[in-house]
Amino acid sequence: MCGIVAMMSSEPVNQRIYDALHLLQHRGQDAAGIATLDGLEFHMYKAMGLVRDVFRTRNMRDLTGNMGVGQVRYPTQGCASSNQESQPFYVNAPYGIAFAHNGNLTNAEALKQELYETDRRHINTTSDSEVLLNVLATEISRETVSKSLDAEGVFAAVSRVHKRLRGSYAVVALIAGKGLLAFRDPYGIRPICFGTNMQENGKLEYMVSSESVTMIGLGFKVERDLAPGEALWIDLKGNVSTRQCAENPVLSPCAFEWVYFARPDSTMDGINVYAARLKLGEYLAETLKHEIDLSEIDVVMPIPDSSRPCAQQLAQVLNLPYREGFIKNRYVGRTFIMPGQAVRKKSVRQKLNAMPVEFEGKNVLLVDDSIVRGTTMREIVRIARESGAKKVFVASSAPRVMFPNVYGIDMPTRSELLCGDGRDAKAVAESLGADAVVYQTIDGLKNALHDLNPSIPRFDCSCFDGDYVTGDITEEYLARLDAARAKPAPQKDDAEEGEGTQPMC
């Protein structure tokens, strides 16, 4: 999972792309990067770390130009600790393309071989994003053999890209001397939207981003989400063109966006994230009525922060007291995104402090957005008991995570999932040390989202139900993921620093 942004303006864009990446920081904390286009010259800077730590004044000063792309990275493919794997990526032909991608290709290895043997293109990293960029560059090259690139050529290239790719992808790209391109996979698994802003000089400027929160935060008007399979092209004169480039697009966005990843003040595909989490609380409350004797619950407590709306609504529906029992240290990274179980477990105590006055002698219901590996929740249950809780019940606003996610969320193998072996809620409670565990039903999740936008035909809930919307995920594919995951990860060099800002050549 990553956050991407692109801008085209008549004014410098470096500061506002930086600000937009801050607003998308929740989507990735591993690395950050910005590429700008000044005339025909690209400038780029990217490094490991949070946005605030990566960029300095000297870096920003060198990122000149009125067009730019940026990304915050949460690694799902390739080495998690390498600047080489960070984005944006760049290729020098045709024209020169700077590119950022959110998602995960499921046929990246086959494409990599195809690019080498047929297209004569070399992939220098293990990132599927570099593969996608080279597929895009190849198809654009085919359009420009005998003519200059225009909107029709761009859309024809994207149409062929769709035919070659499998998986999830939301893409932004700058093409030197030509314009800004954005497109979304035929299932719309990963989010992407665009907006406009009228400048003081009377000219429109444009932004494309993973979430609408960047538009709101920077004073842009949200125009709309890109449809699945749709491409957006803005040329250097500011002419905007869109085209459906996929043959059989079906909107099937990832349900986990609303459960966990997206900011509550974002709206994606017509569903506000905060409203979705309130709805999840209502459906979870109905399930709880049948699973737990409500008279045993003294107080409802959220695990900060994304489960708070769900917990508040659940408590209201069930007429139970709501309290904040945990205080979150906002300067510790999200434990779900951290790469190792040992690091994840150690960080829980640093991240959450319990207030014993809220636990002492009470039966507490802890509400979390999801339970993936169980490491975090196991530690939280232990903290609650040490703080004086008599009984600890746990409720998850998401269903059991039972299957690998192959579309950009870092839980790719069943062996790493608490419910990957199919264990039921009773077995989960025993594993976590809780008195009982209640999960959202899959129907409850789908209904909560459908209530807010009935026009969406389906949601990708593959990590809950094993139904992969792209239709290409086999047991053999999952076995290869298991084997790849088992390999030791390359270690980061302690002396490694960010790549310098420089003209690309």
Protein backbone atom coordinates (compact mmCIF):
# COMPACT_ATOMS: atom_id res chain seq x y z
CA MET A 1 0.00 0.00 0.00
CA CYS A 2 1.33 3.42 -0.97
CA GLY A 3 0.15 6.97 -1.41
CA ILE A 4 0.65 8.77 -4.72
CA VAL A 5 0.10 12.33 -5.88
CA ALA A 6 0.69 14.34 -9.05
CA MET A 7 0.29 18.03 -9.84
CA MET A 8 0.31 20.29 -12.90
CA SER A 9 0.26 24.06 -12.42
CA SER A 10 1.58 27.35 -13.73
CA GLU A 11 3.36 27.77 -10.39
CA PRO A 12 6.08 25.69 -8.67
CA VAL A 13 4.62 22.47 -7.24
CA ASN A 14 7.38 21.17 -4.95
CA GLN A 15 6.01 22.58 -1.68
CA ARG A 16 2.46 21.44 -2.33
CA ILE A 17 3.48 17.93 -3.32
CA TYR A 18 5.46 17.80 -0.08
CA ASP A 19 2.34 18.95 1.81
CA ALA A 20 0.21 16.38 -0.01
CA LEU A 21 2.61 13.58 0.95
CA HIS A 22 2.25 14.63 4.59
CA LEU A 23 -1.50 14.19 4.19
CA LEU A 24 -0.88 10.71 2.74
CA GLN A 25 1.73 9.66 5.30
CA HIS A 26 -0.67 7.10 6.82
CA ARG A 27 -0.47 5.13 3.56
CA GLY A 28 3.27 4.50 3.83
CA GLN A 29 6.08 5.18 6.28
CA ASP A 30 8.96 3.30 4.71
CA ALA A 31 10.14 5.86 2.14
CA ALA A 32 9.15 9.05 0.36
CA GLY A 33 10.07 10.68 -2.92
CA ILE A 34 9.28 13.56 -5.26
CA ALA A 35 10.11 14.06 -8.94
CA THR A 36 9.50 17.38 -10.71
CA LEU A 37 9.68 18.41 -14.35
CA ASP A 38 11.18 21.78 -15.25
CA GLY A 39 10.90 22.25 -18.99
CA LEU A 40 12.42 19.02 -20.28
CA GLU A 41 14.58 18.37 -17.22
CA PHE A 42 13.54 16.03 -14.41
CA HIS A 43 14.69 16.46 -10.83
CA MET A 44 14.24 13.77 -8.21
CA TYR A 45 14.85 13.14 -4.55
CA LYS A 46 13.83 10.06 -2.59
CA ALA A 47 15.03 8.34 0.56
CA MET A 48 14.02 5.99 3.34
CA GLY A 49 11.94 7.45 6.15
CA LEU A 50 8.99 9.70 6.90
CA VAL A 51 8.27 12.73 4.72
CA ARG A 52 9.38 15.15 7.45
CA ASP A 53 12.73 13.34 7.75
CA VAL A 54 13.46 12.76 4.06
CA PHE A 55 13.29 16.29 2.69
CA ARG A 56 15.43 19.26 3.66
CA THR A 57 15.45 22.81 2.33
CA ARG A 58 18.34 22.03 0.00
CA ASN A 59 16.38 19.14 -1.50
CA MET A 60 13.22 21.17 -1.98
CA ARG A 61 15.15 24.04 -3.54
CA ASP A 62 16.41 21.75 -6.27
CA LEU A 63 12.97 20.28 -7.07
CA THR A 64 12.08 23.01 -9.55
CA GLY A 65 9.25 22.90 -12.06
CA ASN A 66 5.49 23.29 -12.43
CA MET A 67 4.75 19.57 -12.72
CA GLY A 68 5.54 16.83 -10.26
CA VAL A 69 4.75 13.41 -8.82
CA GLY A 70 5.29 12.09 -5.32
CA GLN A 71 4.92 8.89 -3.35
CA VAL A 72 4.99 7.59 0.20
CA ARG A 73 5.94 3.94 0.22
CA TYR A 74 4.76 0.98 2.21
CA PRO A 75 6.62 -2.01 0.78
CA THR A 76 4.75 -5.05 -0.50
CA GLN A 77 7.09 -6.12 -3.28
CA GLY A 78 10.86 -6.04 -3.44
CA CYS A 79 13.34 -5.07 -0.75
CA ALA A 80 11.76 -3.17 2.10
CA SER A 81 14.93 -1.28 2.95
CA SER A 82 16.43 0.08 -0.25
CA ASN A 83 16.38 3.49 -1.89
CA GLN A 84 16.54 1.72 -5.23
CA GLU A 85 13.09 0.31 -4.60
CA SER A 86 11.67 3.70 -3.57
CA GLN A 87 9.59 5.79 -5.93
CA PRO A 88 9.15 7.75 -8.13
CA PHE A 89 10.85 5.69 -10.85
CA TYR A 90 12.23 7.09 -14.10
CA VAL A 91 12.94 5.88 -17.63
CA ASN A 92 14.54 8.03 -20.30
CA ALA A 93 12.64 6.70 -23.31
CA PRO A 94 10.31 7.55 -24.81
CA TYR A 95 10.69 11.24 -24.02
CA GLY A 96 11.41 10.61 -20.34
CA ILE A 97 8.82 9.40 -17.83
CA ALA A 98 8.69 9.91 -14.06
CA PHE A 99 6.20 7.57 -12.46
CA ALA A 100 4.57 6.47 -9.17
CA HIS A 101 2.37 3.46 -8.52
CA ASN A 102 0.08 2.24 -5.75
CA GLY A 103 -0.89 -1.41 -5.85
CA ASN A 104 0.61 -4.79 -6.64
CA LEU A 105 0.96 -6.71 -9.89
CA THR A 106 0.17 -10.41 -9.68
CA ASN A 107 1.96 -11.28 -12.94
CA ALA A 108 5.10 -9.20 -12.35
CA GLU A 109 7.56 -12.08 -12.77
CA ALA A 110 6.11 -13.17 -16.11
CA LEU A 111 6.09 -9.56 -17.32
CA LYS A 112 9.70 -9.07 -16.24
CA GLN A 113 10.79 -12.00 -18.37
CA GLU A 114 8.64 -10.80 -21.26
CA LEU A 115 10.13 -7.31 -21.08
CA TYR A 116 13.65 -8.73 -21.24
CA GLU A 117 13.12 -11.27 -24.01
CA THR A 118 10.61 -9.44 -26.23
CA ASP A 119 10.80 -5.73 -25.44
CA ARG A 120 14.56 -5.63 -24.74
CA ARG A 121 14.05 -3.77 -21.48
CA HIS A 122 16.09 -4.43 -18.36
CA ILE A 123 14.54 -4.31 -14.87
CA ASN A 124 17.12 -3.28 -12.28
CA THR A 125 15.13 -3.83 -9.05
CA THR A 126 12.75 -6.40 -7.63
CA SER A 127 9.90 -3.87 -7.62
CA ASP A 128 6.76 -4.64 -9.60
CA SER A 129 6.38 -0.87 -10.02
CA GLU A 130 9.49 -0.73 -12.20
CA VAL A 131 8.00 -3.53 -14.26
CA LEU A 132 4.77 -1.56 -14.70
CA LEU A 133 6.68 1.57 -15.71
CA ASN A 134 8.59 -0.32 -18.39
CA VAL A 135 5.42 -1.89 -19.76
CA LEU A 136 3.92 1.60 -20.00
CA ALA A 137 7.07 2.99 -21.65
CA THR A 138 7.10 0.13 -24.16
CA GLU A 139 3.50 0.70 -25.18
CA ILE A 140 3.98 4.47 -25.49
CA SER A 141 7.04 3.83 -27.64
CA ARG A 142 4.92 1.76 -30.02
CA GLU A 143 2.55 4.71 -30.39
CA THR A 144 5.35 7.14 -31.23
CA VAL A 145 7.28 5.16 -33.87
CA SER A 146 5.86 7.24 -36.72
CA LYS A 147 4.05 10.10 -34.97
CA SER A 148 4.14 12.44 -32.01
CA LEU A 149 2.31 11.51 -28.83
CA ASP A 150 -1.21 12.89 -28.39
CA ALA A 151 -4.27 11.98 -26.29
CA GLU A 152 -5.36 9.25 -28.71
CA GLY A 153 -1.90 7.69 -28.61
CA VAL A 154 -1.80 7.82 -24.81
CA PHE A 155 -5.16 6.09 -24.50
CA ALA A 156 -4.21 3.44 -27.04
CA ALA A 157 -1.03 2.73 -25.04
CA VAL A 158 -2.95 2.46 -21.76
CA SER A 159 -5.44 0.08 -23.39
CA ARG A 160 -2.59 -2.27 -24.27
CA VAL A 161 -1.11 -1.85 -20.78
CA HIS A 162 -4.41 -3.08 -19.31
CA LYS A 163 -4.26 -6.17 -21.51
CA ARG A 164 -0.78 -7.05 -20.26
CA LEU A 165 -1.15 -6.34 -16.54
CA ARG A 166 -2.87 -8.33 -13.80
CA GLY A 167 -3.43 -7.14 -10.26
CA SER A 168 -4.08 -3.76 -8.70
CA TYR A 169 -2.65 -0.45 -9.85
CA ALA A 170 -3.32 3.24 -9.58
CA VAL A 171 -0.70 5.17 -11.56
CA VAL A 172 0.48 8.75 -12.06
CA ALA A 173 3.17 9.67 -14.60
CA LEU A 174 4.83 12.75 -16.08
CA ILE A 175 5.89 12.53 -19.72
CA ALA A 176 8.52 15.14 -20.59
CA GLY A 177 7.30 17.72 -23.07
CA LYS A 178 3.86 16.11 -23.28
CA GLY A 179 1.77 16.08 -20.09
CA LEU A 180 0.42 14.25 -17.05
CA LEU A 181 -1.11 10.78 -17.19
CA ALA A 182 -3.12 8.88 -14.56
CA PHE A 183 -4.97 5.58 -14.81
CA ARG A 184 -6.62 2.90 -12.68
CA ASP A 185 -6.82 -0.88 -13.01
CA PRO A 186 -9.99 -2.41 -14.58
CA TYR A 187 -11.34 -3.39 -11.15
CA GLY A 188 -10.58 -0.11 -9.39
CA ILE A 189 -9.03 -2.03 -6.50
CA ARG A 190 -6.81 0.84 -5.39
CA PRO A 191 -8.24 4.37 -5.07
CA ILE A 192 -7.36 7.41 -7.17
CA CYS A 193 -9.15 10.73 -7.69
CA PHE A 194 -8.48 14.09 -9.29
CA GLY A 195 -9.29 17.71 -8.56
CA THR A 196 -8.83 21.26 -9.78
CA ASN A 197 -8.05 24.67 -8.35
CA MET A 198 -8.43 28.12 -9.89
CA GLN A 199 -5.23 30.09 -9.37
CA GLU A 200 -5.06 33.83 -8.81
CA ASN A 201 -3.88 34.27 -12.39
CA GLY A 202 -7.13 32.71 -13.62
CA LYS A 203 -5.56 29.45 -14.75
CA LEU A 204 -6.63 26.02 -13.58
CA GLU A 205 -4.20 23.70 -11.88
CA TYR A 206 -4.70 19.97 -11.45
CA MET A 207 -4.04 17.34 -8.82
CA VAL A 208 -4.34 13.55 -8.89
CA SER A 209 -4.07 11.64 -5.63
CA SER A 210 -4.79 8.40 -3.79
CA GLU A 211 -7.25 10.13 -1.45
CA SER A 212 -9.50 13.16 -1.51
CA VAL A 213 -7.95 14.41 1.75
CA THR A 214 -5.07 15.91 -0.24
CA MET A 215 -7.48 18.00 -2.32
CA ILE A 216 -9.32 19.24 0.75
CA GLY A 217 -6.10 19.98 2.63
CA LEU A 218 -4.62 21.99 -0.24
CA GLY A 219 -7.75 23.89 -1.25
CA PHE A 220 -8.57 21.93 -4.41
CA LYS A 221 -12.05 21.00 -5.56
CA VAL A 222 -12.53 17.24 -5.77
CA GLU A 223 -13.84 16.54 -9.26
CA ARG A 224 -14.33 12.77 -9.01
CA ASP A 225 -12.73 9.35 -8.69
CA LEU A 226 -11.27 7.77 -11.78
CA ALA A 227 -13.47 4.91 -12.93
CA PRO A 228 -11.97 1.41 -13.10
CA GLY A 229 -9.96 1.11 -16.30
CA GLU A 230 -10.17 4.84 -16.98
CA ALA A 231 -7.23 7.02 -18.03
CA LEU A 232 -6.86 10.77 -17.48
CA TRP A 233 -4.57 12.83 -19.73
CA ILE A 234 -3.73 16.52 -19.23
CA ASP A 235 -1.51 18.04 -21.90
CA LEU A 236 0.83 20.99 -21.40
CA LYS A 237 -1.87 23.43 -22.54
CA GLY A 238 -4.17 22.24 -19.78
CA ASN A 239 -6.52 20.30 -22.04
CA VAL A 240 -8.11 17.46 -20.05
CA SER A 241 -9.12 14.20 -21.74
CA THR A 242 -10.45 10.98 -20.24
CA ARG A 243 -11.12 7.60 -21.80
CA GLN A 244 -12.29 4.19 -20.69
CA CYS A 245 -9.35 2.03 -21.74
CA ALA A 246 -10.32 -1.39 -20.34
CA GLU A 247 -12.55 -3.88 -22.11
CA ASN A 248 -14.71 -5.11 -19.24
CA PRO A 249 -14.24 -2.83 -16.23
CA VAL A 250 -16.04 -3.72 -12.99
CA LEU A 251 -15.66 -1.50 -9.93
CA SER A 252 -14.44 -3.77 -7.12
CA PRO A 253 -12.57 -1.57 -4.62
CA CYS A 254 -10.63 -3.06 -1.71
CA ALA A 255 -12.84 -3.13 1.40
CA PHE A 256 -9.78 -2.83 3.64
CA GLU A 257 -9.39 0.81 2.54
CA TRP A 258 -12.48 1.75 4.58
CA VAL A 259 -11.72 -0.63 7.43
CA TYR A 260 -8.18 0.49 8.13
CA PHE A 261 -5.97 2.26 5.63
CA ALA A 262 -7.69 5.42 4.45
CA ARG A 263 -8.01 8.58 6.50
CA PRO A 264 -11.48 9.09 8.03
CA ASP A 265 -11.82 12.48 6.31
CA SER A 266 -11.40 10.94 2.84
CA THR A 267 -14.19 9.90 0.51
CA MET A 268 -13.47 7.15 -2.02
CA ASP A 269 -15.83 5.88 -4.70
CA GLY A 270 -18.64 7.82 -3.10
CA ILE A 271 -18.17 6.34 0.38
CA ASN A 272 -16.91 8.53 3.19
CA VAL A 273 -14.44 6.60 5.34
CA TYR A 274 -15.74 7.93 8.65
CA ALA A 275 -19.33 7.12 7.70
CA ALA A 276 -18.26 3.61 6.70
CA ARG A 277 -16.65 3.00 10.08
CA LEU A 278 -19.80 4.17 11.85
CA LYS A 279 -21.80 1.73 9.74
CA LEU A 280 -19.39 -1.07 10.59
CA GLY A 281 -20.08 -0.32 14.25
CA GLU A 282 -23.82 -0.73 13.70
CA TYR A 283 -23.47 -4.10 12.00
CA LEU A 284 -20.91 -5.31 14.55
CA ALA A 285 -23.31 -4.34 17.35
CA GLU A 286 -25.99 -6.59 15.85
CA THR A 287 -23.56 -9.51 15.75
CA LEU A 288 -22.47 -8.88 19.35
CA LYS A 289 -26.06 -9.15 20.57
CA HIS A 290 -26.05 -12.80 19.56
CA GLU A 291 -22.50 -13.67 20.62
CA ILE A 292 -22.00 -12.12 24.09
CA ASP A 293 -24.22 -11.52 27.09
CA LEU A 294 -24.27 -7.72 27.03
CA SER A 295 -24.90 -7.55 30.76
CA GLU A 296 -21.31 -8.77 31.23
CA ILE A 297 -19.85 -5.73 29.46
CA ASP A 298 -19.17 -2.73 31.68
CA VAL A 299 -17.46 -0.50 29.13
CA VAL A 300 -16.54 -0.27 25.44
CA MET A 301 -13.03 0.90 24.52
CA PRO A 302 -11.45 1.49 21.10
CA ILE A 303 -7.88 0.64 20.13
CA PRO A 304 -6.81 4.05 18.78
CA ASP A 305 -7.27 5.41 16.20
CA SER A 306 -9.08 3.91 13.23
CA SER A 307 -11.48 1.79 15.33
CA ARG A 308 -12.78 4.76 17.30
CA PRO A 309 -15.83 5.59 15.10
CA CYS A 310 -16.85 1.92 15.04
CA ALA A 311 -16.52 1.60 18.83
CA GLN A 312 -18.47 4.81 19.45
CA GLN A 313 -21.35 3.75 17.24
CA LEU A 314 -21.37 0.23 18.66
CA ALA A 315 -21.57 1.57 22.21
CA GLN A 316 -24.40 3.89 21.25
CA VAL A 317 -26.42 1.16 19.54
CA LEU A 318 -25.97 -1.23 22.49
CA ASN A 319 -26.47 1.51 25.11
CA LEU A 320 -23.15 0.73 26.76
CA PRO A 321 -20.71 3.20 28.36
CA TYR A 322 -17.86 4.31 26.08
CA ARG A 323 -14.43 5.19 27.46
CA GLU A 324 -10.94 5.89 26.15
CA GLY A 325 -8.79 3.38 27.99
CA PHE A 326 -5.64 3.68 25.89
CA ILE A 327 -3.55 6.75 25.15
CA LYS A 328 -1.65 6.58 21.87
CA ASN A 329 1.89 7.84 21.40
CA ARG A 330 1.60 9.45 17.99
CA TYR A 331 5.33 9.39 17.41
CA VAL A 332 5.53 5.62 17.08
CA GLY A 333 4.83 4.10 13.67
CA ARG A 334 1.81 1.99 12.86
CA THR A 335 2.57 -1.51 14.11
CA PHE A 336 0.74 -3.21 11.26
CA ILE A 337 3.17 -1.69 8.79
CA MET A 338 6.33 -2.60 10.69
CA PRO A 339 8.33 -5.34 8.99
CA GLY A 340 9.08 -7.86 11.77
CA GLN A 341 7.04 -9.56 14.47
CA ALA A 342 9.66 -8.77 17.12
CA VAL A 343 9.65 -5.07 16.21
CA ARG A 344 5.86 -5.07 16.05
CA LYS A 345 5.48 -6.65 19.49
CA LYS A 346 8.07 -4.39 21.12
CA SER A 347 6.43 -1.27 19.72
CA VAL A 348 2.99 -1.98 21.21
CA ARG A 349 4.07 -0.95 24.72
CA GLN A 350 5.73 2.14 23.33
CA LYS A 351 2.68 2.98 21.26
CA LEU A 352 -0.19 2.43 23.72
CA ASN A 353 -0.39 3.31 27.40
CA ALA A 354 -3.34 2.07 29.43
CA MET A 355 -5.15 4.18 32.03
CA PRO A 356 -5.71 1.78 34.98
CA VAL A 357 -8.58 3.90 36.34
CA GLU A 358 -10.67 2.85 33.32
CA PHE A 359 -9.84 -0.86 33.65
CA GLU A 360 -9.76 -1.58 37.38
CA GLY A 361 -12.41 -4.15 38.30
CA LYS A 362 -14.29 -3.86 34.97
CA ASN A 363 -15.29 -6.20 32.17
CA VAL A 364 -14.09 -4.38 29.05
CA LEU A 365 -14.94 -4.79 25.38
CA LEU A 366 -11.96 -3.78 23.23
CA VAL A 367 -12.85 -2.81 19.67
CA ASP A 368 -10.20 -2.93 16.95
CA ASP A 369 -10.43 -2.36 13.22
CA SER A 370 -9.01 -5.80 12.38
CA ILE A 371 -6.96 -8.66 13.77
CA VAL A 372 -4.37 -9.76 11.24
CA ARG A 373 -1.44 -11.53 12.86
CA GLY A 374 -2.65 -11.24 16.44
CA THR A 375 0.68 -10.04 17.83
CA THR A 376 -0.58 -6.55 18.65
CA MET A 377 -3.92 -7.65 20.09
CA ARG A 378 -2.32 -10.34 22.24
CA GLU A 379 -0.14 -7.70 23.87
CA ILE A 380 -3.08 -5.31 24.27
CA VAL A 381 -5.15 -7.96 26.04
CA ARG A 382 -2.21 -8.57 28.38
CA ILE A 383 -1.94 -4.83 29.09
CA ALA A 384 -5.67 -4.63 29.83
CA ARG A 385 -5.46 -7.47 32.35
CA GLU A 386 -2.36 -6.01 33.99
CA SER A 387 -4.28 -2.74 34.33
CA GLY A 388 -6.96 -4.44 36.40
CA ALA A 389 -9.61 -5.66 33.93
CA LYS A 390 -11.64 -8.63 35.25
CA LYS A 391 -12.72 -9.83 31.80
CA VAL A 392 -11.46 -8.79 28.39
CA PHE A 393 -13.69 -9.24 25.35
CA VAL A 394 -12.44 -8.35 21.87
CA ALA A 395 -14.47 -7.26 18.83
CA SER A 396 -13.14 -6.71 15.32
CA SER A 397 -14.87 -4.37 12.87
CA ALA A 398 -13.48 -6.57 10.07
CA PRO A 399 -14.13 -10.28 9.50
CA ARG A 400 -11.49 -12.95 10.08
CA VAL A 401 -8.45 -12.38 7.88
CA MET A 402 -8.02 -15.88 6.49
CA PHE A 403 -6.37 -15.48 3.09
CA PRO A 404 -3.31 -13.74 1.65
CA ASN A 405 -3.83 -10.30 0.20
CA VAL A 406 -2.15 -10.00 -3.19
CA TYR A 407 -3.30 -6.51 -4.13
CA GLY A 408 -0.98 -4.34 -2.08
CA ILE A 409 -1.46 -5.08 1.62
CA ASP A 410 1.48 -6.69 3.38
CA MET A 411 -0.06 -9.97 4.57
CA PRO A 412 0.85 -12.31 1.76
CA THR A 413 1.08 -15.74 3.44
CA ARG A 414 -1.42 -17.79 5.40
CA SER A 415 1.20 -18.91 7.89
CA GLU A 416 1.51 -15.31 9.12
CA LEU A 417 -2.23 -14.84 9.64
CA LEU A 418 -3.85 -15.62 12.96
CA CYS A 419 -6.81 -17.18 11.14
CA GLY A 420 -4.84 -18.45 8.16
CA ASP A 421 -5.45 -22.00 9.38
CA GLY A 422 -9.21 -21.39 9.52
CA ARG A 423 -9.46 -21.24 13.31
CA ASP A 424 -12.74 -19.98 14.70
CA ALA A 425 -13.41 -17.13 17.14
CA LYS A 426 -13.22 -19.43 20.16
CA ALA A 427 -9.73 -20.61 19.18
CA VAL A 428 -8.70 -17.01 18.49
CA ALA A 429 -9.84 -15.95 21.97
CA GLU A 430 -7.73 -18.70 23.49
CA SER A 431 -4.71 -17.63 21.43
CA LEU A 432 -5.11 -13.96 22.40
CA GLY A 433 -5.84 -14.67 26.07
CA ALA A 434 -9.26 -13.01 25.75
CA ASP A 435 -12.51 -14.18 27.32
CA ALA A 436 -14.27 -14.00 23.94
CA VAL A 437 -13.68 -12.64 20.45
CA VAL A 438 -16.40 -11.47 18.06
CA TYR A 439 -15.77 -10.74 14.40
CA GLN A 440 -17.73 -8.70 11.90
CA THR A 441 -19.46 -10.99 9.42
CA ILE A 442 -18.48 -10.77 5.76
CA ASP A 443 -22.08 -9.87 4.92
CA GLY A 444 -21.95 -7.18 7.60
CA LEU A 445 -18.84 -5.65 6.00
CA LYS A 446 -20.30 -5.70 2.51
CA ASN A 447 -23.69 -4.41 3.64
CA ALA A 448 -22.13 -1.53 5.58
CA LEU A 449 -20.38 -0.34 2.41
CA HIS A 450 -23.32 -1.05 0.10
CA ASP A 451 -25.60 0.98 2.37
CA LEU A 452 -23.46 4.04 1.64
CA ASN A 453 -23.09 3.43 -2.11
CA PRO A 454 -25.47 0.80 -3.53
CA SER A 455 -24.15 1.42 -7.06
CA ILE A 456 -20.86 -0.40 -6.41
CA PRO A 457 -21.44 -3.93 -7.77
CA ARG A 458 -18.89 -5.70 -5.58
CA PHE A 459 -16.03 -5.16 -3.15
CA ASP A 460 -12.74 -6.99 -3.03
CA CYS A 461 -12.88 -8.92 0.24
CA SER A 462 -10.33 -11.54 -0.83
CA CYS A 463 -8.38 -11.52 2.44
CA PHE A 464 -11.63 -12.42 4.21
CA ASP A 465 -13.35 -14.78 1.77
CA GLY A 466 -10.63 -15.93 -0.65
CA ASP A 467 -12.53 -14.57 -3.67
CA TYR A 468 -9.90 -12.74 -5.74
CA VAL A 469 -11.59 -10.31 -8.11
CA THR A 470 -8.93 -10.53 -10.83
CA GLY A 471 -9.59 -14.25 -11.22
CA ASP A 472 -5.95 -15.22 -11.75
CA ILE A 473 -4.89 -16.29 -8.23
CA THR A 474 -4.25 -20.03 -7.92
CA GLU A 475 -2.93 -22.28 -5.18
CA GLU A 476 0.34 -22.46 -7.11
CA TYR A 477 0.61 -18.68 -7.06
CA LEU A 478 0.02 -18.56 -3.31
CA ALA A 479 2.58 -21.33 -2.78
CA ARG A 480 5.18 -19.27 -4.66
CA LEU A 481 4.37 -16.30 -2.43
CA ASP A 482 4.87 -18.48 0.65
CA ALA A 483 8.25 -19.62 -0.64
CA ALA A 484 9.37 -16.09 -1.55
CA ARG A 485 8.27 -14.77 1.84
CA ALA A 486 10.32 -17.44 3.60
CA LYS A 487 13.57 -16.13 2.11
CA PRO A 488 15.63 -13.83 4.39
CA ALA A 489 15.13 -10.14 3.58
CA PRO A 490 18.20 -8.17 2.46
CA GLN A 491 19.64 -6.04 5.23
CA LYS A 492 19.87 -2.29 4.96
CA ASP A 493 23.29 -0.70 5.07
CA ASP A 494 23.41 1.60 8.10
CA ALA A 495 25.38 4.14 6.10
CA GLU A 496 22.80 4.27 3.29
CA GLU A 497 21.50 7.76 2.56
CA GLY A 498 18.95 9.29 0.23
CA GLU A 499 19.63 9.71 -3.45
CA GLY A 500 20.69 13.23 -4.32
CA THR A 501 18.56 15.63 -6.29
CA GLN A 502 19.92 15.82 -9.79
CA PRO A 503 18.86 16.12 -13.42
CA MET A 504 17.84 12.71 -14.72
CA CYS A 505 19.82 11.42 -17.66
